[in-house]
N, C-alpha and C. Protein backbone atom coordinates (compact mmCIF):
# COMPACT_ATOMS: atom_id res chain seq x y z
N MET A 1 75.34 234.81 107.02
CA MET A 1 73.75 234.33 107.48
C MET A 1 73.16 233.80 106.55
N GLU A 2 72.85 232.68 107.03
CA GLU A 2 71.75 232.03 106.01
C GLU A 2 70.08 232.29 106.80
N VAL A 3 69.13 232.62 105.66
CA VAL A 3 67.89 232.77 105.77
C VAL A 3 67.17 231.44 105.05
N ARG A 4 66.06 230.34 105.88
CA ARG A 4 65.56 230.02 105.60
C ARG A 4 64.35 229.73 105.95
N SER A 5 63.27 228.62 105.53
CA SER A 5 62.08 227.97 105.97
C SER A 5 61.97 228.04 107.56
N TYR A 6 61.08 227.88 108.17
CA TYR A 6 60.78 227.44 109.36
C TYR A 6 60.42 225.92 109.38
N HIS A 7 61.10 224.87 110.66
CA HIS A 7 61.04 224.21 110.72
C HIS A 7 60.53 223.66 112.16
N ALA A 8 59.88 222.85 112.00
CA ALA A 8 59.21 222.78 113.72
C ALA A 8 60.43 222.46 115.23
N SER A 9 60.85 221.99 114.92
CA SER A 9 62.50 221.61 115.48
C SER A 9 63.16 223.29 115.58
N ASP A 10 62.56 224.44 115.10
CA ASP A 10 63.02 225.80 115.92
C ASP A 10 62.64 226.36 116.81
N ALA A 11 61.43 225.45 117.13
CA ALA A 11 60.64 226.64 118.15
C ALA A 11 61.38 226.72 119.08
N PRO A 12 61.62 226.07 120.07
CA PRO A 12 62.46 226.09 121.23
C PRO A 12 63.05 227.41 121.34
N ALA A 13 63.94 227.03 120.26
CA ALA A 13 64.97 227.84 120.04
C ALA A 13 64.73 229.60 119.45
N LEU A 14 63.56 229.65 119.17
CA LEU A 14 62.76 230.77 118.67
C LEU A 14 61.97 231.55 120.14
N GLY A 15 61.63 230.41 120.31
CA GLY A 15 60.89 231.23 121.96
C GLY A 15 62.13 231.86 122.51
N GLU A 16 63.48 231.73 122.40
CA GLU A 16 64.69 231.85 123.43
C GLU A 16 64.94 233.46 122.87
N VAL A 17 64.59 233.59 121.13
CA VAL A 17 64.93 234.79 120.82
C VAL A 17 64.17 235.66 121.01
N PHE A 18 62.34 235.26 120.94
CA PHE A 18 61.59 236.08 121.08
C PHE A 18 61.40 236.78 122.35
N HIS A 19 62.03 235.73 123.48
CA HIS A 19 62.01 236.15 124.78
C HIS A 19 63.22 237.57 124.69
N ARG A 20 64.70 237.17 124.44
CA ARG A 20 65.42 238.17 124.73
C ARG A 20 65.19 239.43 123.77
N ALA A 21 64.49 239.69 122.81
CA ALA A 21 64.45 240.48 121.79
C ALA A 21 63.55 241.48 122.58
N VAL A 22 62.73 240.95 123.21
CA VAL A 22 61.67 241.69 124.43
C VAL A 22 62.40 242.14 126.00
N ARG A 23 62.82 240.79 126.29
CA ARG A 23 63.93 241.76 127.58
C ARG A 23 65.20 242.92 127.08
N GLU A 24 65.37 242.26 126.52
CA GLU A 24 66.96 242.94 126.22
C GLU A 24 66.48 244.59 124.65
N GLY A 25 65.52 243.82 124.03
CA GLY A 25 65.90 244.81 122.95
C GLY A 25 64.39 246.05 123.20
N ALA A 26 63.73 245.70 123.63
CA ALA A 26 62.70 246.19 123.48
C ALA A 26 62.34 246.87 125.12
N SER A 27 63.46 246.49 126.18
CA SER A 27 63.19 246.83 127.15
C SER A 27 63.29 248.31 127.67
N HIS A 28 64.27 249.12 126.74
CA HIS A 28 64.07 250.21 126.93
C HIS A 28 63.06 251.12 126.66
N ARG A 29 62.19 251.04 125.81
CA ARG A 29 60.99 251.09 125.38
C ARG A 29 59.85 251.21 126.01
N TYR A 30 59.59 250.71 127.16
CA TYR A 30 58.73 249.96 128.03
C TYR A 30 58.95 249.42 129.43
N ASN A 31 58.51 250.18 130.22
CA ASN A 31 58.88 249.87 131.82
C ASN A 31 59.15 247.91 131.89
N ARG A 32 59.11 247.93 133.88
CA ARG A 32 59.72 247.11 133.65
C ARG A 32 58.37 246.05 133.59
N ALA A 33 56.86 246.26 134.46
CA ALA A 33 55.66 245.51 134.57
C ALA A 33 55.19 245.08 132.97
N GLN A 34 55.73 246.12 131.76
CA GLN A 34 54.83 245.79 130.53
C GLN A 34 55.77 244.74 129.92
N VAL A 35 57.38 245.11 130.02
CA VAL A 35 58.13 243.92 129.87
C VAL A 35 57.62 242.38 130.67
N GLU A 36 57.51 242.60 131.53
CA GLU A 36 56.95 241.02 132.65
C GLU A 36 55.54 240.66 131.71
N ALA A 37 54.63 241.45 131.15
CA ALA A 37 53.01 240.88 130.92
C ALA A 37 53.53 240.37 129.62
N TRP A 38 54.44 241.25 128.46
CA TRP A 38 54.39 240.45 127.20
C TRP A 38 55.30 239.44 127.42
N ALA A 39 56.60 239.29 128.16
CA ALA A 39 57.44 237.70 127.77
C ALA A 39 57.94 237.67 129.15
N PRO A 40 56.37 237.30 130.34
CA PRO A 40 57.11 236.62 131.38
C PRO A 40 58.07 235.53 131.31
N HIS A 41 57.94 234.47 129.98
CA HIS A 41 58.86 233.61 129.68
C HIS A 41 58.94 233.65 128.21
N ALA A 42 59.90 232.47 128.10
CA ALA A 42 59.90 232.36 126.45
C ALA A 42 59.01 231.29 125.67
N PRO A 43 58.11 231.67 124.97
CA PRO A 43 56.93 230.68 124.45
C PRO A 43 57.89 229.67 124.21
N ASN A 44 56.89 228.70 124.67
CA ASN A 44 57.01 227.20 124.04
C ASN A 44 56.00 226.25 124.45
N GLY A 45 55.56 225.23 123.31
CA GLY A 45 54.84 224.38 123.63
C GLY A 45 53.94 224.35 122.45
N PRO A 46 52.90 223.32 122.31
CA PRO A 46 52.36 223.50 121.41
C PRO A 46 51.70 224.44 120.36
N LYS A 47 50.59 225.46 121.20
CA LYS A 47 50.79 226.64 120.87
C LYS A 47 51.68 227.33 120.39
N TRP A 48 52.79 227.49 120.99
CA TRP A 48 53.98 228.26 120.12
C TRP A 48 54.52 227.83 119.01
N GLU A 49 54.45 226.22 118.55
CA GLU A 49 54.79 226.02 117.42
C GLU A 49 53.89 226.12 116.65
N THR A 50 52.02 226.02 117.31
CA THR A 50 51.32 226.44 115.80
C THR A 50 51.46 227.43 115.13
N ARG A 51 51.64 228.66 116.48
CA ARG A 51 51.89 230.07 116.18
C ARG A 51 53.08 230.28 114.85
N LEU A 52 53.91 229.98 115.18
CA LEU A 52 54.83 229.50 114.19
C LEU A 52 54.75 229.36 112.54
N ALA A 53 54.09 228.07 112.95
CA ALA A 53 54.01 227.23 111.56
C ALA A 53 52.84 227.77 110.56
N GLU A 54 51.88 228.53 111.75
CA GLU A 54 50.86 229.27 110.57
C GLU A 54 50.99 230.15 110.14
N ALA A 55 52.23 230.69 110.30
CA ALA A 55 52.60 232.09 110.13
C ALA A 55 53.39 232.35 108.43
N ASP A 56 54.22 232.75 108.05
CA ASP A 56 55.33 232.90 106.87
C ASP A 56 56.19 232.97 107.94
N THR A 57 56.89 231.75 108.16
CA THR A 57 58.01 231.92 109.24
C THR A 57 58.92 231.96 108.66
N VAL A 58 60.11 233.09 108.62
CA VAL A 58 61.50 232.69 108.23
C VAL A 58 62.28 232.84 109.47
N VAL A 59 63.58 231.80 109.19
CA VAL A 59 64.49 231.86 110.30
C VAL A 59 66.24 232.57 109.72
N ALA A 60 66.34 233.17 110.40
CA ALA A 60 67.48 233.77 110.33
C ALA A 60 68.94 232.74 110.80
N LEU A 61 69.71 231.95 110.70
CA LEU A 61 70.62 231.64 111.58
C LEU A 61 72.64 232.42 110.70
N GLU A 62 73.12 232.09 112.09
CA GLU A 62 74.69 232.35 111.74
C GLU A 62 74.88 231.08 112.24
N GLY A 63 75.79 230.12 111.15
CA GLY A 63 75.88 228.80 111.72
C GLY A 63 74.54 228.11 112.07
N GLU A 64 75.09 227.18 112.80
CA GLU A 64 73.86 226.36 113.19
C GLU A 64 73.15 227.24 114.42
N THR A 65 73.13 228.44 114.90
CA THR A 65 72.76 229.22 115.60
C THR A 65 71.78 229.89 115.07
N ARG A 66 70.04 229.89 115.79
CA ARG A 66 69.23 230.72 115.48
C ARG A 66 69.05 232.55 115.94
N VAL A 67 69.18 233.35 115.09
CA VAL A 67 69.28 234.37 115.50
C VAL A 67 68.31 235.42 115.44
N GLY A 68 67.09 235.04 114.80
CA GLY A 68 66.00 235.78 114.61
C GLY A 68 65.04 235.03 113.27
N PHE A 69 64.02 235.31 113.53
CA PHE A 69 62.65 235.11 112.87
C PHE A 69 61.73 236.10 112.24
């Protein structure tokens, strides 16, 4: 596993990682309505990119696959 600084090109894949984490990882702790409200879809677009860029975001990779942040 490699950990590196965030690149703007990571944003779409990290949106998918976030969405899966909420839907699959947190789903046992929250009811369906809460999960739907928290992550109705994978975040993407300029607001998501800005959020990641303005944070101290690091990215975990397994090969070329982004697996965490």
